[in-house]
Amino acid sequence: MIDLIPIVKDHFQTLRSHADNRILWGEIAFFVGAPILLGGAGIYLDWKLRGVDNILAAFAILAGLLFNLLVLLFDVATKAVSAGGSNAQNVRLKLAKHLQANVTYALLVALLAAGILGVASGMGMEKVNRWLTGVLIVLLAHFTLTLLMVMRRIRAAFLQSIT
């Protein structure tokens, strides 16, 4: 059986303070709460998602790009270890590990959304009901926030590499 729990744990372990390693509950609440509130609003307002095939195609493309980014991160981590060792002081390696955790988690969310959209598309649905729309809004918003976190970390890694 495929155990996906370590992927989720690794991602949420990156939501800690770098200074004292305490859990950043505000960030966790934002990354989980905001998508749930948005999905709940979609259900309450009776939104119905249209264009299932197009959204599925977008998630499939993004999932492919995330797989590519994981391969690149493996190379970055290897170079970080060879340049600075595998000790706790190696900031590049720490950023690479966090990026790997976040990208893998984003890929998991994208595959989950693509699976739901694929089933809906296979059933010939062009428009989904409000409940499924709410779930897809939660996944899309959570995915978007995770990608923004990845962008922030890539920026930090870039700035760290040029200093």
C-alpha atoms as a PDB file:
ATOM      1  CA  MET A   1       0.000   0.000   0.000  1.00  0.00           C
ATOM      2  CA  ILE A   2       1.162   3.509  -0.724  1.00  0.00           C
ATOM      3  CA  ASP A   3       1.596   5.542   2.467  1.00  0.00           C
ATOM      4  CA  LEU A   4       0.980   9.234   1.781  1.00  0.00           C
ATOM      5  CA  ILE A   5       1.028  10.320   5.448  1.00  0.00           C
ATOM      6  CA  PRO A   6       4.808  11.087   5.420  1.00  0.00           C
ATOM      7  CA  ILE A   7       4.272  13.513   2.518  1.00  0.00           C
ATOM      8  CA  VAL A   8       1.644  15.426   4.500  1.00  0.00           C
ATOM      9  CA  LYS A   9       3.751  15.343   7.690  1.00  0.00           C
ATOM     10  CA  ASP A  10       6.869  16.574   5.877  1.00  0.00           C
ATOM     11  CA  HIS A  11       4.925  19.458   4.361  1.00  0.00           C
ATOM     12  CA  PHE A  12       3.456  20.579   7.674  1.00  0.00           C
ATOM     13  CA  GLN A  13       6.868  20.216   9.360  1.00  0.00           C
ATOM     14  CA  THR A  14       8.056  23.044   7.100  1.00  0.00           C
ATOM     15  CA  LEU A  15       5.497  25.348   8.739  1.00  0.00           C
ATOM     16  CA  ARG A  16       7.771  25.959  11.724  1.00  0.00           C
ATOM     17  CA  SER A  17       9.760  28.950  12.887  1.00  0.00           C
ATOM     18  CA  HIS A  18      13.369  28.842  11.718  1.00  0.00           C
ATOM     19  CA  ALA A  19      14.520  30.614  14.881  1.00  0.00           C
ATOM     20  CA  ASP A  20      13.072  28.364  17.591  1.00  0.00           C
ATOM     21  CA  ASN A  21      11.411  25.475  15.673  1.00  0.00           C
ATOM     22  CA  ARG A  22       7.954  26.183  17.106  1.00  0.00           C
ATOM     23  CA  ILE A  23       4.846  25.418  15.073  1.00  0.00           C
ATOM     24  CA  LEU A  24       3.430  28.443  13.250  1.00  0.00           C
ATOM     25  CA  TRP A  25      -0.252  27.908  14.000  1.00  0.00           C
ATOM     26  CA  GLY A  26      -1.221  31.118  12.212  1.00  0.00           C
ATOM     27  CA  GLU A  27       0.270  29.881   8.937  1.00  0.00           C
ATOM     28  CA  ILE A  28      -1.339  26.467   9.336  1.00  0.00           C
ATOM     29  CA  ALA A  29      -4.710  28.091  10.045  1.00  0.00           C
ATOM     30  CA  PHE A  30      -4.308  30.295   6.961  1.00  0.00           C
ATOM     31  CA  PHE A  31      -3.183  27.483   4.640  1.00  0.00           C
ATOM     32  CA  VAL A  32      -6.005  25.194   5.749  1.00  0.00           C
ATOM     33  CA  GLY A  33      -8.693  27.608   6.953  1.00  0.00           C
ATOM     34  CA  ALA A  34      -8.802  30.037   4.038  1.00  0.00           C
ATOM     35  CA  PRO A  35      -9.433  27.313   1.412  1.00  0.00           C
ATOM     36  CA  ILE A  36     -12.073  25.685   3.625  1.00  0.00           C
ATOM     37  CA  LEU A  37     -13.834  29.027   4.119  1.00  0.00           C
ATOM     38  CA  LEU A  38     -13.720  29.694   0.380  1.00  0.00           C
ATOM     39  CA  GLY A  39     -15.067  26.199  -0.382  1.00  0.00           C
ATOM     40  CA  GLY A  40     -17.773  26.663   2.236  1.00  0.00           C
ATOM     41  CA  ALA A  41     -18.741  29.962   0.626  1.00  0.00           C
ATOM     42  CA  GLY A  42     -18.968  28.186  -2.717  1.00  0.00           C
ATOM     43  CA  ILE A  43     -21.308  25.587  -1.250  1.00  0.00           C
ATOM     44  CA  TYR A  44     -23.406  28.214   0.551  1.00  0.00           C
ATOM     45  CA  LEU A  45     -23.678  30.423  -2.550  1.00  0.00           C
ATOM     46  CA  ASP A  46     -24.491  27.380  -4.705  1.00  0.00           C
ATOM     47  CA  TRP A  47     -21.562  27.808  -7.106  1.00  0.00           C
ATOM     48  CA  LYS A  48     -21.306  25.195  -9.818  1.00  0.00           C
ATOM     49  CA  LEU A  49     -17.919  24.676 -11.434  1.00  0.00           C
ATOM     50  CA  ARG A  50     -17.949  24.582 -15.227  1.00  0.00           C
ATOM     51  CA  GLY A  51     -15.282  23.556 -17.713  1.00  0.00           C
ATOM     52  CA  VAL A  52     -14.207  20.364 -15.953  1.00  0.00           C
ATOM     53  CA  ASP A  53     -12.088  19.232 -18.908  1.00  0.00           C
ATOM     54  CA  ASN A  54     -10.148  22.505 -19.036  1.00  0.00           C
ATOM     55  CA  ILE A  55      -9.466  22.510 -15.299  1.00  0.00           C
ATOM     56  CA  LEU A  56      -8.363  18.865 -15.530  1.00  0.00           C
ATOM     57  CA  ALA A  57      -5.945  19.761 -18.322  1.00  0.00           C
ATOM     58  CA  ALA A  58      -4.509  22.611 -16.245  1.00  0.00           C
ATOM     59  CA  PHE A  59      -3.968  20.347 -13.222  1.00  0.00           C
ATOM     60  CA  ALA A  60      -2.374  17.679 -15.428  1.00  0.00           C
ATOM     61  CA  ILE A  61       0.079  20.212 -16.873  1.00  0.00           C
ATOM     62  CA  LEU A  62       0.918  21.610 -13.439  1.00  0.00           C
ATOM     63  CA  ALA A  63       1.424  18.101 -12.051  1.00  0.00           C
ATOM     64  CA  GLY A  64       3.881  17.377 -14.854  1.00  0.00           C
ATOM     65  CA  LEU A  65       5.773  20.572 -14.138  1.00  0.00           C
ATOM     66  CA  LEU A  66       5.891  19.718 -10.432  1.00  0.00           C
ATOM     67  CA  PHE A  67       7.383  16.305 -11.238  1.00  0.00           C
ATOM     68  CA  ASN A  68      10.069  18.095 -13.238  1.00  0.00           C
ATOM     69  CA  LEU A  69      10.732  20.465 -10.347  1.00  0.00           C
ATOM     70  CA  LEU A  70      11.210  17.475  -8.013  1.00  0.00           C
ATOM     71  CA  VAL A  71      13.915  16.113 -10.302  1.00  0.00           C
ATOM     72  CA  LEU A  72      15.634  19.505 -10.322  1.00  0.00           C
ATOM     73  CA  LEU A  73      15.411  19.692  -6.525  1.00  0.00           C
ATOM     74  CA  PHE A  74      17.188  16.352  -6.268  1.00  0.00           C
ATOM     75  CA  ASP A  75      20.079  17.857  -8.238  1.00  0.00           C
ATOM     76  CA  VAL A  76      20.068  21.004  -6.080  1.00  0.00           C
ATOM     77  CA  ALA A  77      20.144  18.944  -2.879  1.00  0.00           C
ATOM     78  CA  THR A  78      23.032  16.838  -4.191  1.00  0.00           C
ATOM     79  CA  LYS A  79      25.022  19.970  -5.030  1.00  0.00           C
ATOM     80  CA  ALA A  80      24.189  21.516  -1.646  1.00  0.00           C
ATOM     81  CA  VAL A  81      25.507  18.443   0.168  1.00  0.00           C
ATOM     82  CA  SER A  82      28.696  18.397  -1.889  1.00  0.00           C
ATOM     83  CA  ALA A  83      29.245  22.137  -1.354  1.00  0.00           C
ATOM     84  CA  GLY A  84      28.387  22.459   2.333  1.00  0.00           C
ATOM     85  CA  GLY A  85      27.997  18.991   3.806  1.00  0.00           C
ATOM     86  CA  SER A  86      24.875  17.494   5.295  1.00  0.00           C
ATOM     87  CA  ASN A  87      25.067  19.309   8.632  1.00  0.00           C
ATOM     88  CA  ALA A  88      22.297  21.410  10.155  1.00  0.00           C
ATOM     89  CA  GLN A  89      24.130  24.646   9.247  1.00  0.00           C
ATOM     90  CA  ASN A  90      23.760  24.054   5.497  1.00  0.00           C
ATOM     91  CA  VAL A  91      21.019  26.563   4.648  1.00  0.00           C
ATOM     92  CA  ARG A  92      20.846  25.512   0.990  1.00  0.00           C
ATOM     93  CA  LEU A  93      20.234  21.907   1.939  1.00  0.00           C
ATOM     94  CA  LYS A  94      17.576  22.925   4.457  1.00  0.00           C
ATOM     95  CA  LEU A  95      15.811  25.045   1.815  1.00  0.00           C
ATOM     96  CA  ALA A  96      16.053  22.172  -0.687  1.00  0.00           C
ATOM     97  CA  LYS A  97      14.487  19.778   1.844  1.00  0.00           C
ATOM     98  CA  HIS A  98      11.659  22.212   2.571  1.00  0.00           C
ATOM     99  CA  LEU A  99      11.087  22.795  -1.129  1.00  0.00           C
ATOM    100  CA  GLN A 100      11.004  19.051  -1.752  1.00  0.00           C
ATOM    101  CA  ALA A 101       8.412  18.587   0.999  1.00  0.00           C
ATOM    102  CA  ASN A 102       6.246  21.442  -0.291  1.00  0.00           C
ATOM    103  CA  VAL A 103       6.484  20.459  -3.972  1.00  0.00           C
ATOM    104  CA  THR A 104       5.703  16.811  -3.197  1.00  0.00           C
ATOM    105  CA  TYR A 105       2.684  17.894  -1.154  1.00  0.00           C
ATOM    106  CA  ALA A 106       1.503  20.262  -3.926  1.00  0.00           C
ATOM    107  CA  LEU A 107       1.852  17.379  -6.363  1.00  0.00           C
ATOM    108  CA  LEU A 108      -0.263  15.199  -4.080  1.00  0.00           C
ATOM    109  CA  VAL A 109      -2.999  17.868  -3.942  1.00  0.00           C
ATOM    110  CA  ALA A 110      -2.832  18.320  -7.732  1.00  0.00           C
ATOM    111  CA  LEU A 111      -3.141  14.571  -8.314  1.00  0.00           C
ATOM    112  CA  LEU A 112      -6.090  14.361  -5.920  1.00  0.00           C
ATOM    113  CA  ALA A 113      -7.872  17.207  -7.711  1.00  0.00           C
ATOM    114  CA  ALA A 114      -6.992  15.733 -11.115  1.00  0.00           C
ATOM    115  CA  GLY A 115      -8.385  12.372 -10.008  1.00  0.00           C
ATOM    116  CA  ILE A 116     -11.684  13.925  -8.948  1.00  0.00           C
ATOM    117  CA  LEU A 117     -11.849  15.988 -12.129  1.00  0.00           C
ATOM    118  CA  GLY A 118     -10.922  12.947 -14.225  1.00  0.00           C
ATOM    119  CA  VAL A 119     -13.797  10.932 -12.786  1.00  0.00           C
ATOM    120  CA  ALA A 120     -16.183  13.850 -13.340  1.00  0.00           C
ATOM    121  CA  SER A 121     -14.936  14.246 -16.903  1.00  0.00           C
ATOM    122  CA  GLY A 122     -15.209  10.510 -17.531  1.00  0.00           C
ATOM    123  CA  MET A 123     -18.810  10.627 -16.383  1.00  0.00           C
ATOM    124  CA  GLY A 124     -19.486  13.304 -18.994  1.00  0.00           C
ATOM    125  CA  MET A 125     -19.986  16.109 -16.485  1.00  0.00           C
ATOM    126  CA  GLU A 126     -19.384  19.565 -17.878  1.00  0.00           C
ATOM    127  CA  LYS A 127     -20.720  21.194 -14.717  1.00  0.00           C
ATOM    128  CA  VAL A 128     -20.406  19.720 -11.205  1.00  0.00           C
ATOM    129  CA  ASN A 129     -22.823  20.142  -8.296  1.00  0.00           C
ATOM    130  CA  ARG A 130     -22.234  22.591  -5.470  1.00  0.00           C
ATOM    131  CA  TRP A 131     -20.776  19.993  -3.053  1.00  0.00           C
ATOM    132  CA  LEU A 132     -18.148  18.778  -5.476  1.00  0.00           C
ATOM    133  CA  THR A 133     -17.518  22.380  -6.467  1.00  0.00           C
ATOM    134  CA  GLY A 134     -16.834  23.183  -2.805  1.00  0.00           C
ATOM    135  CA  VAL A 135     -14.329  20.327  -2.536  1.00  0.00           C
ATOM    136  CA  LEU A 136     -12.590  21.367  -5.746  1.00  0.00           C
ATOM    137  CA  ILE A 137     -12.433  25.011  -4.598  1.00  0.00           C
ATOM    138  CA  VAL A 138     -10.778  23.872  -1.358  1.00  0.00           C
ATOM    139  CA  LEU A 139      -8.220  21.824  -3.295  1.00  0.00           C
ATOM    140  CA  LEU A 140      -7.572  24.571  -5.848  1.00  0.00           C
ATOM    141  CA  ALA A 141      -7.153  27.287  -3.193  1.00  0.00           C
ATOM    142  CA  HIS A 142      -4.927  25.060  -1.049  1.00  0.00           C
ATOM    143  CA  PHE A 143      -2.871  24.129  -4.110  1.00  0.00           C
ATOM    144  CA  THR A 144      -2.475  27.790  -5.063  1.00  0.00           C
ATOM    145  CA  LEU A 145      -1.347  28.760  -1.559  1.00  0.00           C
ATOM    146  CA  THR A 146       1.150  25.903  -1.519  1.00  0.00           C
ATOM    147  CA  LEU A 147       2.550  27.030  -4.877  1.00  0.00           C
ATOM    148  CA  LEU A 148       2.921  30.543  -3.485  1.00  0.00           C
ATOM    149  CA  MET A 149       4.871  29.080  -0.569  1.00  0.00           C
ATOM    150  CA  VAL A 150       7.085  27.200  -3.033  1.00  0.00           C
ATOM    151  CA  MET A 151       7.705  30.439  -4.942  1.00  0.00           C
ATOM    152  CA  ARG A 152       8.692  32.176  -1.710  1.00  0.00           C
ATOM    153  CA  ARG A 153      11.112  29.387  -0.836  1.00  0.00           C
ATOM    154  CA  ILE A 154      12.613  29.303  -4.327  1.00  0.00           C
ATOM    155  CA  ARG A 155      13.214  33.032  -4.025  1.00  0.00           C
ATOM    156  CA  ALA A 156      14.891  32.512  -0.646  1.00  0.00           C
ATOM    157  CA  ALA A 157      17.052  29.728  -2.089  1.00  0.00           C
ATOM    158  CA  PHE A 158      18.029  31.938  -5.004  1.00  0.00           C
ATOM    159  CA  LEU A 159      18.941  34.851  -2.774  1.00  0.00           C
ATOM    160  CA  GLN A 160      20.906  32.490  -0.504  1.00  0.00           C
ATOM    161  CA  SER A 161      22.846  31.126  -3.480  1.00  0.00           C
ATOM    162  CA  ILE A 162      23.969  34.554  -4.730  1.00  0.00           C
ATOM    163  CA  THR A 163      25.136  35.872  -1.363  1.00  0.00           C
END
